[in-house]
Amino acid sequence: MSAITTHILDVSAGCPARGVSVTLEQQTTTGWEIISRGATDEDGRLRDLLDSKAILQTGNYRLTFDTETYFTQQQIEGFYPQVTVAFTVRDAAQHFHVPLLLSPFGYSTYRGS
């Protein structure tokens, strides 16, 4: 399992958000660098965002979720074209799970386990 994972639930539909594109970036001295891309599976999970051999470093990261494409495919007009969640890794030995609860006009996130 990747050191950084996510799980998206579409709370307006009461189901996992399948096929949502997710981009993981790390902040560097020159800006944000894309380190991985993926999409959620049938259960709304993205378990392999980082290669299992990748070494997580301390620092700032952000996940960007392509919610516009997801809601367009559901034939729903949403308000947020994307959701970006920035977070800090202070202990690179830990696992970081970042769930997203999503609806067309709102979202919530937290550090999961």
PDB file of N, CA and C in Angstrom:
ATOM      1  N   MET A   1       0.845  -1.180   0.000  1.00  0.00           N
ATOM      2  CA  MET A   1       0.000   0.000   0.000  1.00  0.00           C
ATOM      3  C   MET A   1       0.889   1.242   0.000  1.00  0.00           C
ATOM      4  N   SER A   2       0.453   2.231  -0.704  1.00  0.00           N
ATOM      5  CA  SER A   2       1.154   3.501  -0.802  1.00  0.00           C
ATOM      6  C   SER A   2       1.210   4.202   0.556  1.00  0.00           C
ATOM      7  N   ALA A   3       2.207   5.043   0.758  1.00  0.00           N
ATOM      8  CA  ALA A   3       2.313   5.826   1.993  1.00  0.00           C
ATOM      9  C   ALA A   3       1.256   6.919   2.050  1.00  0.00           C
ATOM     10  N   ILE A   4       0.700   7.292   0.895  1.00  0.00           N
ATOM     11  CA  ILE A   4      -0.376   8.284   0.820  1.00  0.00           C
ATOM     12  C   ILE A   4      -1.530   7.649   0.050  1.00  0.00           C
ATOM     13  N   THR A   5      -2.704   7.607   0.688  1.00  0.00           N
ATOM     14  CA  THR A   5      -3.889   7.023   0.062  1.00  0.00           C
ATOM     15  C   THR A   5      -5.073   7.960   0.237  1.00  0.00           C
ATOM     16  N   THR A   6      -6.131   7.700  -0.533  1.00  0.00           N
ATOM     17  CA  THR A   6      -7.345   8.491  -0.403  1.00  0.00           C
ATOM     18  C   THR A   6      -8.561   7.610  -0.657  1.00  0.00           C
ATOM     19  N   HIS A   7      -9.705   8.104  -0.246  1.00  0.00           N
ATOM     20  CA  HIS A   7     -10.981   7.423  -0.445  1.00  0.00           C
ATOM     21  C   HIS A   7     -12.019   8.518  -0.622  1.00  0.00           C
ATOM     22  N   ILE A   8     -12.764   8.487  -1.723  1.00  0.00           N
ATOM     23  CA  ILE A   8     -13.750   9.531  -1.993  1.00  0.00           C
ATOM     24  C   ILE A   8     -15.145   8.927  -1.949  1.00  0.00           C
ATOM     25  N   LEU A   9     -15.997   9.527  -1.135  1.00  0.00           N
ATOM     26  CA  LEU A   9     -17.399   9.134  -1.072  1.00  0.00           C
ATOM     27  C   LEU A   9     -18.253  10.285  -1.574  1.00  0.00           C
ATOM     28  N   ASP A  10     -19.136   9.981  -2.511  1.00  0.00           N
ATOM     29  CA  ASP A  10     -20.096  10.963  -3.018  1.00  0.00           C
ATOM     30  C   ASP A  10     -21.285  10.923  -2.064  1.00  0.00           C
ATOM     31  N   VAL A  11     -21.321  11.858  -1.120  1.00  0.00           N
ATOM     32  CA  VAL A  11     -22.365  11.821  -0.094  1.00  0.00           C
ATOM     33  C   VAL A  11     -23.727  12.214  -0.652  1.00  0.00           C
ATOM     34  N   SER A  12     -23.763  12.886  -1.793  1.00  0.00           N
ATOM     35  CA  SER A  12     -25.054  13.244  -2.402  1.00  0.00           C
ATOM     36  C   SER A  12     -25.722  12.034  -3.049  1.00  0.00           C
ATOM     37  N   ALA A  13     -24.910  11.075  -3.500  1.00  0.00           N
ATOM     38  CA  ALA A  13     -25.446   9.869  -4.139  1.00  0.00           C
ATOM     39  C   ALA A  13     -25.399   8.659  -3.208  1.00  0.00           C
ATOM     40  N   GLY A  14     -24.668   8.796  -2.108  1.00  0.00           N
ATOM     41  CA  GLY A  14     -24.557   7.687  -1.165  1.00  0.00           C
ATOM     42  C   GLY A  14     -23.730   6.535  -1.680  1.00  0.00           C
ATOM     43  N   CYS A  15     -22.671   6.855  -2.440  1.00  0.00           N
ATOM     44  CA  CYS A  15     -21.847   5.790  -3.007  1.00  0.00           C
ATOM     45  C   CYS A  15     -20.404   6.267  -3.180  1.00  0.00           C
ATOM     46  N   PRO A  16     -19.487   5.333  -3.444  1.00  0.00           N
ATOM     47  CA  PRO A  16     -18.108   5.720  -3.719  1.00  0.00           C
ATOM     48  C   PRO A  16     -18.030   6.540  -5.007  1.00  0.00           C
ATOM     49  N   ALA A  17     -17.091   7.459  -5.049  1.00  0.00           N
ATOM     50  CA  ALA A  17     -16.855   8.250  -6.260  1.00  0.00           C
ATOM     51  C   ALA A  17     -15.818   7.510  -7.105  1.00  0.00           C
ATOM     52  N   ARG A  18     -16.297   6.832  -8.131  1.00  0.00           N
ATOM     53  CA  ARG A  18     -15.448   5.994  -8.985  1.00  0.00           C
ATOM     54  C   ARG A  18     -14.820   6.818 -10.103  1.00  0.00           C
ATOM     55  N   GLY A  19     -13.572   6.498 -10.419  1.00  0.00           N
ATOM     56  CA  GLY A  19     -12.918   7.081 -11.578  1.00  0.00           C
ATOM     57  C   GLY A  19     -12.507   8.537 -11.445  1.00  0.00           C
ATOM     58  N   VAL A  20     -12.381   9.042 -10.227  1.00  0.00           N
ATOM     59  CA  VAL A  20     -11.961  10.435 -10.038  1.00  0.00           C
ATOM     60  C   VAL A  20     -10.450  10.522 -10.206  1.00  0.00           C
ATOM     61  N   SER A  21     -10.000  11.407 -11.090  1.00  0.00           N
ATOM     62  CA  SER A  21      -8.567  11.623 -11.284  1.00  0.00           C
ATOM     63  C   SER A  21      -8.004  12.404 -10.105  1.00  0.00           C
ATOM     64  N   VAL A  22      -6.840  11.942  -9.629  1.00  0.00           N
ATOM     65  CA  VAL A  22      -6.187  12.556  -8.475  1.00  0.00           C
ATOM     66  C   VAL A  22      -4.726  12.806  -8.829  1.00  0.00           C
ATOM     67  N   THR A  23      -4.241  13.999  -8.496  1.00  0.00           N
ATOM     68  CA  THR A  23      -2.842  14.351  -8.711  1.00  0.00           C
ATOM     69  C   THR A  23      -2.193  14.618  -7.361  1.00  0.00           C
ATOM     70  N   LEU A  24      -1.023  14.025  -7.132  1.00  0.00           N
ATOM     71  CA  LEU A  24      -0.250  14.260  -5.919  1.00  0.00           C
ATOM     72  C   LEU A  24       0.960  15.109  -6.277  1.00  0.00           C
ATOM     73  N   GLU A  25       1.134  16.201  -5.535  1.00  0.00           N
ATOM     74  CA  GLU A  25       2.276  17.089  -5.756  1.00  0.00           C
ATOM     75  C   GLU A  25       3.038  17.285  -4.454  1.00  0.00           C
ATOM     76  N   GLN A  26       4.333  17.561  -4.600  1.00  0.00           N
ATOM     77  CA  GLN A  26       5.180  17.880  -3.459  1.00  0.00           C
ATOM     78  C   GLN A  26       5.735  19.284  -3.662  1.00  0.00           C
ATOM     79  N   GLN A  27       5.757  20.070  -2.591  1.00  0.00           N
ATOM     80  CA  GLN A  27       6.295  21.422  -2.686  1.00  0.00           C
ATOM     81  C   GLN A  27       7.816  21.356  -2.653  1.00  0.00           C
ATOM     82  N   THR A  28       8.437  22.049  -3.605  1.00  0.00           N
ATOM     83  CA  THR A  28       9.891  22.128  -3.673  1.00  0.00           C
ATOM     84  C   THR A  28      10.299  23.590  -3.523  1.00  0.00           C
ATOM     85  N   THR A  29      11.571  23.850  -3.604  1.00  0.00           N
ATOM     86  CA  THR A  29      12.052  25.231  -3.493  1.00  0.00           C
ATOM     87  C   THR A  29      11.631  26.080  -4.683  1.00  0.00           C
ATOM     88  N   THR A  30      11.241  25.443  -5.776  1.00  0.00           N
ATOM     89  CA  THR A  30      10.840  26.192  -6.976  1.00  0.00           C
ATOM     90  C   THR A  30       9.342  26.137  -7.251  1.00  0.00           C
ATOM     91  N   GLY A  31       8.578  25.523  -6.363  1.00  0.00           N
ATOM     92  CA  GLY A  31       7.128  25.439  -6.569  1.00  0.00           C
ATOM     93  C   GLY A  31       6.621  24.037  -6.303  1.00  0.00           C
ATOM     94  N   TRP A  32       5.501  23.690  -6.935  1.00  0.00           N
ATOM     95  CA  TRP A  32       4.883  22.376  -6.755  1.00  0.00           C
ATOM     96  C   TRP A  32       5.299  21.457  -7.894  1.00  0.00           C
ATOM     97  N   GLU A  33       5.715  20.241  -7.546  1.00  0.00           N
ATOM     98  CA  GLU A  33       6.144  19.248  -8.529  1.00  0.00           C
ATOM     99  C   GLU A  33       5.206  18.046  -8.474  1.00  0.00           C
ATOM    100  N   ILE A  34       4.672  17.663  -9.634  1.00  0.00           N
ATOM    101  CA  ILE A  34       3.812  16.478  -9.706  1.00  0.00           C
ATOM    102  C   ILE A  34       4.673  15.241  -9.485  1.00  0.00           C
ATOM    103  N   ILE A  35       4.253  14.419  -8.527  1.00  0.00           N
ATOM    104  CA  ILE A  35       5.003  13.184  -8.288  1.00  0.00           C
ATOM    105  C   ILE A  35       4.194  11.936  -8.611  1.00  0.00           C
ATOM    106  N   SER A  36       2.877  12.101  -8.769  1.00  0.00           N
ATOM    107  CA  SER A  36       2.066  10.936  -9.102  1.00  0.00           C
ATOM    108  C   SER A  36       0.674  11.356  -9.559  1.00  0.00           C
ATOM    109  N   ARG A  37       0.074  10.480 -10.367  1.00  0.00           N
ATOM    110  CA  ARG A  37      -1.321  10.649 -10.788  1.00  0.00           C
ATOM    111  C   ARG A  37      -1.994   9.290 -10.747  1.00  0.00           C
ATOM    112  N   GLY A  38      -3.287   9.327 -10.499  1.00  0.00           N
ATOM    113  CA  GLY A  38      -4.041   8.079 -10.484  1.00  0.00           C
ATOM    114  C   GLY A  38      -5.521   8.374 -10.515  1.00  0.00           C
ATOM    115  N   ALA A  39      -6.328   7.326 -10.396  1.00  0.00           N
ATOM    116  CA  ALA A  39      -7.786   7.473 -10.375  1.00  0.00           C
ATOM    117  C   ALA A  39      -8.358   6.494  -9.363  1.00  0.00           C
ATOM    118  N   THR A  40      -9.474   6.888  -8.767  1.00  0.00           N
ATOM    119  CA  THR A  40     -10.107   6.028  -7.773  1.00  0.00           C
ATOM    120  C   THR A  40     -10.697   4.780  -8.431  1.00  0.00           C
ATOM    121  N   ASP A  41     -10.720   3.701  -7.661  1.00  0.00           N
ATOM    122  CA  ASP A  41     -11.248   2.431  -8.158  1.00  0.00           C
ATOM    123  C   ASP A  41     -12.762   2.351  -7.938  1.00  0.00           C
ATOM    124  N   GLU A  42     -13.332   1.171  -8.127  1.00  0.00           N
ATOM    125  CA  GLU A  42     -14.782   0.976  -8.000  1.00  0.00           C
ATOM    126  C   GLU A  42     -15.302   1.284  -6.598  1.00  0.00           C
ATOM    127  N   ASP A  43     -14.409   1.197  -5.611  1.00  0.00           N
ATOM    128  CA  ASP A  43     -14.789   1.486  -4.229  1.00  0.00           C
ATOM    129  C   ASP A  43     -14.453   2.932  -3.841  1.00  0.00           C
ATOM    130  N   GLY A  44     -14.040   3.743  -4.821  1.00  0.00           N
ATOM    131  CA  GLY A  44     -13.696   5.135  -4.551  1.00  0.00           C
ATOM    132  C   GLY A  44     -12.336   5.310  -3.900  1.00  0.00           C
ATOM    133  N   ARG A  45     -11.529   4.262  -3.923  1.00  0.00           N
ATOM    134  CA  ARG A  45     -10.221   4.303  -3.253  1.00  0.00           C
ATOM    135  C   ARG A  45      -9.074   4.418  -4.253  1.00  0.00           C
ATOM    136  N   LEU A  46      -8.023   5.047  -3.783  1.00  0.00           N
ATOM    137  CA  LEU A  46      -6.771   5.102  -4.535  1.00  0.00           C
ATOM    138  C   LEU A  46      -5.681   4.649  -3.568  1.00  0.00           C
ATOM    139  N   ARG A  47      -5.282   3.384  -3.722  1.00  0.00           N
ATOM    140  CA  ARG A  47      -4.356   2.751  -2.779  1.00  0.00           C
ATOM    141  C   ARG A  47      -2.904   2.801  -3.241  1.00  0.00           C
ATOM    142  N   ASP A  48      -2.691   3.065  -4.510  1.00  0.00           N
ATOM    143  CA  ASP A  48      -1.337   2.965  -5.064  1.00  0.00           C
ATOM    144  C   ASP A  48      -0.861   4.278  -5.678  1.00  0.00           C
ATOM    145  N   LEU A  49      -1.109   5.367  -4.975  1.00  0.00           N
ATOM    146  CA  LEU A  49      -0.711   6.676  -5.488  1.00  0.00           C
ATOM    147  C   LEU A  49       0.807   6.798  -5.594  1.00  0.00           C
ATOM    148  N   LEU A  50       1.500   6.229  -4.630  1.00  0.00           N
ATOM    149  CA  LEU A  50       2.964   6.180  -4.682  1.00  0.00           C
ATOM    150  C   LEU A  50       3.391   4.735  -4.878  1.00  0.00           C
ATOM    151  N   ASP A  51       4.413   4.539  -5.657  1.00  0.00           N
ATOM    152  CA  ASP A  51       4.994   3.217  -5.826  1.00  0.00           C
ATOM    153  C   ASP A  51       5.418   2.691  -4.453  1.00  0.00           C
ATOM    154  N   SER A  52       5.271   1.403  -4.232  1.00  0.00           N
ATOM    155  CA  SER A  52       5.605   0.825  -2.922  1.00  0.00           C
ATOM    156  C   SER A  52       7.080   1.004  -2.567  1.00  0.00           C
ATOM    157  N   LYS A  53       7.918   1.240  -3.557  1.00  0.00           N
ATOM    158  CA  LYS A  53       9.346   1.450  -3.309  1.00  0.00           C
ATOM    159  C   LYS A  53       9.688   2.926  -3.114  1.00  0.00           C
ATOM    160  N   ALA A  54       8.724   3.797  -3.335  1.00  0.00           N
ATOM    161  CA  ALA A  54       8.970   5.234  -3.193  1.00  0.00           C
ATOM    162  C   ALA A  54       9.235   5.574  -1.732  1.00  0.00           C
ATOM    163  N   ILE A  55      10.163   6.470  -1.521  1.00  0.00           N
ATOM    164  CA  ILE A  55      10.500   6.908  -0.170  1.00  0.00           C
ATOM    165  C   ILE A  55       9.852   8.265   0.064  1.00  0.00           C
ATOM    166  N   LEU A  56       8.919   8.292   0.992  1.00  0.00           N
ATOM    167  CA  LEU A  56       8.234   9.528   1.335  1.00  0.00           C
ATOM    168  C   LEU A  56       9.194  10.433   2.098  1.00  0.00           C
ATOM    169  N   GLN A  57       9.165  11.705   1.782  1.00  0.00           N
ATOM    170  CA  GLN A  57      10.012  12.688   2.452  1.00  0.00           C
ATOM    171  C   GLN A  57       9.143  13.620   3.278  1.00  0.00           C
ATOM    172  N   THR A  58       9.730  14.231   4.291  1.00  0.00           N
ATOM    173  CA  THR A  58       8.992  15.243   5.033  1.00  0.00           C
ATOM    174  C   THR A  58       8.779  16.444   4.123  1.00  0.00           C
ATOM    175  N   GLY A  59       7.739  17.213   4.406  1.00  0.00           N
ATOM    176  CA  GLY A  59       7.466  18.404   3.606  1.00  0.00           C
ATOM    177  C   GLY A  59       5.987  18.574   3.342  1.00  0.00           C
ATOM    178  N   ASN A  60       5.686  19.510   2.464  1.00  0.00           N
ATOM    179  CA  ASN A  60       4.304  19.826   2.119  1.00  0.00           C
ATOM    180  C   ASN A  60       3.895  19.105   0.839  1.00  0.00           C
ATOM    181  N   TYR A  61       2.686  18.572   0.871  1.00  0.00           N
ATOM    182  CA  TYR A  61       2.114  17.855  -0.260  1.00  0.00           C
ATOM    183  C   TYR A  61       0.717  18.395  -0.519  1.00  0.00           C
ATOM    184  N   ARG A  62       0.211  18.120  -1.707  1.00  0.00           N
ATOM    185  CA  ARG A  62      -1.188  18.427  -1.968  1.00  0.00           C
ATOM    186  C   ARG A  62      -1.769  17.405  -2.941  1.00  0.00           C
ATOM    187  N   LEU A  63      -3.032  17.102  -2.691  1.00  0.00           N
ATOM    188  CA  LEU A  63      -3.825  16.243  -3.562  1.00  0.00           C
ATOM    189  C   LEU A  63      -4.839  17.125  -4.273  1.00  0.00           C
ATOM    190  N   THR A  64      -4.947  16.966  -5.586  1.00  0.00           N
ATOM    191  CA  THR A  64      -5.953  17.694  -6.351  1.00  0.00           C
ATOM    192  C   THR A  64      -6.882  16.672  -6.988  1.00  0.00           C
ATOM    193  N   PHE A  65      -8.167  16.826  -6.691  1.00  0.00           N
ATOM    194  CA  PHE A  65      -9.204  15.912  -7.165  1.00  0.00           C
ATOM    195  C   PHE A  65      -9.971  16.581  -8.302  1.00  0.00           C
ATOM    196  N   ASP A  66     -10.076  15.927  -9.450  1.00  0.00           N
ATOM    197  CA  ASP A  66     -10.798  16.470 -10.611  1.00  0.00           C
ATOM    198  C   ASP A  66     -12.291  16.197 -10.450  1.00  0.00           C
ATOM    199  N   THR A  67     -12.955  17.055  -9.708  1.00  0.00           N
ATOM    200  CA  THR A  67     -14.377  16.864  -9.420  1.00  0.00           C
ATOM    201  C   THR A  67     -15.268  17.295 -10.583  1.00  0.00           C
ATOM    202  N   GLU A  68     -14.789  18.221 -11.405  1.00  0.00           N
ATOM    203  CA  GLU A  68     -15.600  18.674 -12.542  1.00  0.00           C
ATOM    204  C   GLU A  68     -15.904  17.525 -13.500  1.00  0.00           C
ATOM    205  N   THR A  69     -14.888  16.779 -13.873  1.00  0.00           N
ATOM    206  CA  THR A  69     -15.090  15.655 -14.781  1.00  0.00           C
ATOM    207  C   THR A  69     -15.995  14.604 -14.148  1.00  0.00           C
ATOM    208  N   TYR A  70     -15.788  14.332 -12.871  1.00  0.00           N
ATOM    209  CA  TYR A  70     -16.618  13.347 -12.174  1.00  0.00           C
ATOM    210  C   TYR A  70     -18.092  13.743 -12.223  1.00  0.00           C
ATOM    211  N   PHE A  71     -18.415  14.969 -11.838  1.00  0.00           N
ATOM    212  CA  PHE A  71     -19.822  15.380 -11.815  1.00  0.00           C
ATOM    213  C   PHE A  71     -20.402  15.513 -13.224  1.00  0.00           C
ATOM    214  N   THR A  72     -19.601  15.934 -14.190  1.00  0.00           N
ATOM    215  CA  THR A  72     -20.074  16.001 -15.577  1.00  0.00           C
ATOM    216  C   THR A  72     -20.477  14.609 -16.060  1.00  0.00           C
ATOM    217  N   GLN A  73     -19.682  13.600 -15.724  1.00  0.00           N
ATOM    218  CA  GLN A  73     -20.016  12.225 -16.110  1.00  0.00           C
ATOM    219  C   GLN A  73     -21.292  11.733 -15.433  1.00  0.00           C
ATOM    220  N   GLN A  74     -21.610  12.294 -14.280  1.00  0.00           N
ATOM    221  CA  GLN A  74     -22.843  11.938 -13.570  1.00  0.00           C
ATOM    222  C   GLN A  74     -24.024  12.790 -14.039  1.00  0.00           C
ATOM    223  N   GLN A  75     -23.757  13.682 -14.987  1.00  0.00           N
ATOM    224  CA  GLN A  75     -24.751  14.638 -15.501  1.00  0.00           C
ATOM    225  C   GLN A  75     -25.288  15.527 -14.376  1.00  0.00           C
ATOM    226  N   ILE A  76     -24.347  15.975 -13.548  1.00  0.00           N
ATOM    227  CA  ILE A  76     -24.654  16.860 -12.429  1.00  0.00           C
ATOM    228  C   ILE A  76     -23.788  18.106 -12.560  1.00  0.00           C
ATOM    229  N   GLU A  77     -24.399  19.256 -12.337  1.00  0.00           N
ATOM    230  CA  GLU A  77     -23.638  20.500 -12.358  1.00  0.00           C
ATOM    231  C   GLU A  77     -23.095  20.754 -10.956  1.00  0.00           C
ATOM    232  N   GLY A  78     -21.788  20.784 -10.840  1.00  0.00           N
ATOM    233  CA  GLY A  78     -21.149  21.032  -9.552  1.00  0.00           C
ATOM    234  C   GLY A  78     -20.614  22.448  -9.466  1.00  0.00           C
ATOM    235  N   PHE A  79     -20.242  22.849  -8.278  1.00  0.00           N
ATOM    236  CA  PHE A  79     -19.729  24.197  -8.042  1.00  0.00           C
ATOM    237  C   PHE A  79     -18.205  24.251  -8.061  1.00  0.00           C
ATOM    238  N   TYR A  80     -17.555  23.210  -7.562  1.00  0.00           N
ATOM    239  CA  TYR A  80     -16.096  23.177  -7.470  1.00  0.00           C
ATOM    240  C   TYR A  80     -15.521  22.330  -8.605  1.00  0.00           C
ATOM    241  N   PRO A  81     -14.775  22.927  -9.538  1.00  0.00           N
ATOM    242  CA  PRO A  81     -14.195  22.135 -10.621  1.00  0.00           C
ATOM    243  C   PRO A  81     -13.095  21.189 -10.138  1.00  0.00           C
ATOM    244  N   GLN A  82     -12.471  21.559  -9.051  1.00  0.00           N
ATOM    245  CA  GLN A  82     -11.488  20.683  -8.439  1.00  0.00           C
ATOM    246  C   GLN A  82     -11.422  20.994  -6.950  1.00  0.00           C
ATOM    247  N   VAL A  83     -10.971  20.005  -6.212  1.00  0.00           N
ATOM    248  CA  VAL A  83     -10.754  20.167  -4.776  1.00  0.00           C
ATOM    249  C   VAL A  83      -9.277  19.913  -4.531  1.00  0.00           C
ATOM    250  N   THR A  84      -8.626  20.851  -3.855  1.00  0.00           N
ATOM    251  CA  THR A  84      -7.218  20.705  -3.527  1.00  0.00           C
ATOM    252  C   THR A  84      -7.063  20.651  -2.014  1.00  0.00           C
ATOM    253  N   VAL A  85      -6.367  19.630  -1.552  1.00  0.00           N
ATOM    254  CA  VAL A  85      -6.126  19.446  -0.125  1.00  0.00           C
ATOM    255  C   VAL A  85      -4.618  19.429   0.091  1.00  0.00           C
ATOM    256  N   ALA A  86      -4.117  20.435   0.799  1.00  0.00           N
ATOM    257  CA  ALA A  86      -2.690  20.513   1.118  1.00  0.00           C
ATOM    258  C   ALA A  86      -2.478  20.009   2.542  1.00  0.00           C
ATOM    259  N   PHE A  87      -1.363  19.318   2.753  1.00  0.00           N
ATOM    260  CA  PHE A  87      -1.063  18.781   4.083  1.00  0.00           C
ATOM    261  C   PHE A  87       0.443  18.667   4.260  1.00  0.00           C
ATOM    262  N   THR A  88       0.863  18.536   5.511  1.00  0.00           N
ATOM    263  CA  THR A  88       2.278  18.471   5.847  1.00  0.00           C
ATOM    264  C   THR A  88       2.636  17.091   6.382  1.00  0.00           C
ATOM    265  N   VAL A  89       3.706  16.529   5.843  1.00  0.00           N
ATOM    266  CA  VAL A  89       4.261  15.269   6.329  1.00  0.00           C
ATOM    267  C   VAL A  89       5.436  15.626   7.233  1.00  0.00           C
ATOM    268  N   ARG A  90       5.272  15.345   8.516  1.00  0.00           N
ATOM    269  CA  ARG A  90       6.342  15.616   9.483  1.00  0.00           C
ATOM    270  C   ARG A  90       7.112  14.342   9.851  1.00  0.00           C
ATOM    271  N   ASP A  91       6.432  13.210   9.768  1.00  0.00           N
ATOM    272  CA  ASP A  91       7.042  11.915  10.066  1.00  0.00           C
ATOM    273  C   ASP A  91       6.815  11.019   8.854  1.00  0.00           C
ATOM    274  N   ALA A  92       7.829  10.906   8.033  1.00  0.00           N
ATOM    275  CA  ALA A  92       7.701  10.188   6.760  1.00  0.00           C
ATOM    276  C   ALA A  92       7.507   8.685   6.937  1.00  0.00           C
ATOM    277  N   ALA A  93       7.663   8.173   8.145  1.00  0.00           N
ATOM    278  CA  ALA A  93       7.467   6.742   8.386  1.00  0.00           C
ATOM    279  C   ALA A  93       5.990   6.393   8.548  1.00  0.00           C
ATOM    280  N   GLN A  94       5.146   7.394   8.724  1.00  0.00           N
ATOM    281  CA  GLN A  94       3.719   7.153   8.926  1.00  0.00           C
ATOM    282  C   GLN A  94       2.986   6.966   7.598  1.00  0.00           C
ATOM    283  N   HIS A  95       1.773   6.439   7.703  1.00  0.00           N
ATOM    284  CA  HIS A  95       0.863   6.325   6.563  1.00  0.00           C
ATOM    285  C   HIS A  95      -0.079   7.522   6.604  1.00  0.00           C
ATOM    286  N   PHE A  96      -0.350   8.120   5.454  1.00  0.00           N
ATOM    287  CA  PHE A  96      -1.219   9.292   5.376  1.00  0.00           C
ATOM    288  C   PHE A  96      -2.420   8.970   4.499  1.00  0.00           C
ATOM    289  N   HIS A  97      -3.583   8.897   5.139  1.00  0.00           N
ATOM    290  CA  HIS A  97      -4.835   8.618   4.439  1.00  0.00           C
ATOM    291  C   HIS A  97      -5.664   9.894   4.472  1.00  0.00           C
ATOM    292  N   VAL A  98      -6.058  10.371   3.291  1.00  0.00           N
ATOM    293  CA  VAL A  98      -6.767  11.650   3.169  1.00  0.00           C
ATOM    294  C   VAL A  98      -8.115  11.403   2.488  1.00  0.00           C
ATOM    295  N   PRO A  99      -9.161  11.089   3.259  1.00  0.00           N
ATOM    296  CA  PRO A  99     -10.486  10.874   2.685  1.00  0.00           C
ATOM    297  C   PRO A  99     -11.124  12.191   2.245  1.00  0.00           C
ATOM    298  N   LEU A 100     -12.024  12.085   1.270  1.00  0.00           N
ATOM    299  CA  LEU A 100     -12.776  13.242   0.785  1.00  0.00           C
ATOM    300  C   LEU A 100     -14.249  12.861   0.726  1.00  0.00           C
ATOM    301  N   LEU A 101     -15.072  13.609   1.433  1.00  0.00           N
ATOM    302  CA  LEU A 101     -16.526  13.461   1.362  1.00  0.00           C
ATOM    303  C   LEU A 101     -17.008  14.552   0.429  1.00  0.00           C
ATOM    304  N   LEU A 102     -17.689  14.169  -0.641  1.00  0.00           N
ATOM    305  CA  LEU A 102     -17.938  15.070  -1.758  1.00  0.00           C
ATOM    306  C   LEU A 102     -19.416  15.171  -2.097  1.00  0.00           C
ATOM    307  N   SER A 103     -19.835  16.379  -2.442  1.00  0.00           N
ATOM    308  CA  SER A 103     -21.159  16.612  -3.020  1.00  0.00           C
ATOM    309  C   SER A 103     -20.997  17.729  -4.047  1.00  0.00           C
ATOM    310  N   PRO A 104     -21.991  17.984  -4.891  1.00  0.00           N
ATOM    311  CA  PRO A 104     -21.828  19.009  -5.926  1.00  0.00           C
ATOM    312  C   PRO A 104     -21.548  20.411  -5.379  1.00  0.00           C
ATOM    313  N   PHE A 105     -21.984  20.700  -4.159  1.00  0.00           N
ATOM    314  CA  PHE A 105     -21.840  22.056  -3.640  1.00  0.00           C
ATOM    315  C   PHE A 105     -21.084  22.126  -2.322  1.00  0.00           C
ATOM    316  N   GLY A 106     -20.350  21.084  -2.003  1.00  0.00           N
ATOM    317  CA  GLY A 106     -19.559  21.105  -0.784  1.00  0.00           C
ATOM    318  C   GLY A 106     -18.669  19.884  -0.675  1.00  0.00           C
ATOM    319  N   TYR A 107     -17.720  19.972   0.238  1.00  0.00           N
ATOM    320  CA  TYR A 107     -16.840  18.838   0.499  1.00  0.00           C
ATOM    321  C   TYR A 107     -16.266  18.960   1.904  1.00  0.00           C
ATOM    322  N   SER A 108     -15.775  17.840   2.398  1.00  0.00           N
ATOM    323  CA  SER A 108     -15.141  17.787   3.706  1.00  0.00           C
ATOM    324  C   SER A 108     -14.002  16.787   3.623  1.00  0.00           C
ATOM    325  N   THR A 109     -12.957  17.047   4.370  1.00  0.00           N
ATOM    326  CA  THR A 109     -11.819  16.137   4.392  1.00  0.00           C
ATOM    327  C   THR A 109     -11.248  16.087   5.803  1.00  0.00           C
ATOM    328  N   TYR A 110     -10.454  15.077   6.051  1.00  0.00           N
ATOM    329  CA  TYR A 110      -9.836  14.907   7.361  1.00  0.00           C
ATOM    330  C   TYR A 110      -8.679  13.937   7.208  1.00  0.00           C
ATOM    331  N   ARG A 111      -7.851  13.845   8.230  1.00  0.00           N
ATOM    332  CA  ARG A 111      -6.795  12.843   8.196  1.00  0.00           C
ATOM    333  C   ARG A 111      -7.361  11.540   8.727  1.00  0.00           C
ATOM    334  N   GLY A 112      -7.374  10.552   7.876  1.00  0.00           N
ATOM    335  CA  GLY A 112      -7.887   9.246   8.256  1.00  0.00           C
ATOM    336  C   GLY A 112      -6.783   8.355   8.784  1.00  0.00           C
ATOM    337  N   SER A 113      -7.093   7.075   8.857  1.00  0.00           N
ATOM    338  CA  SER A 113      -6.100   6.118   9.354  1.00  0.00           C
ATOM    339  C   SER A 113      -5.986   4.942   8.403  1.00  0.00           C
TER     340      SER A 113
END
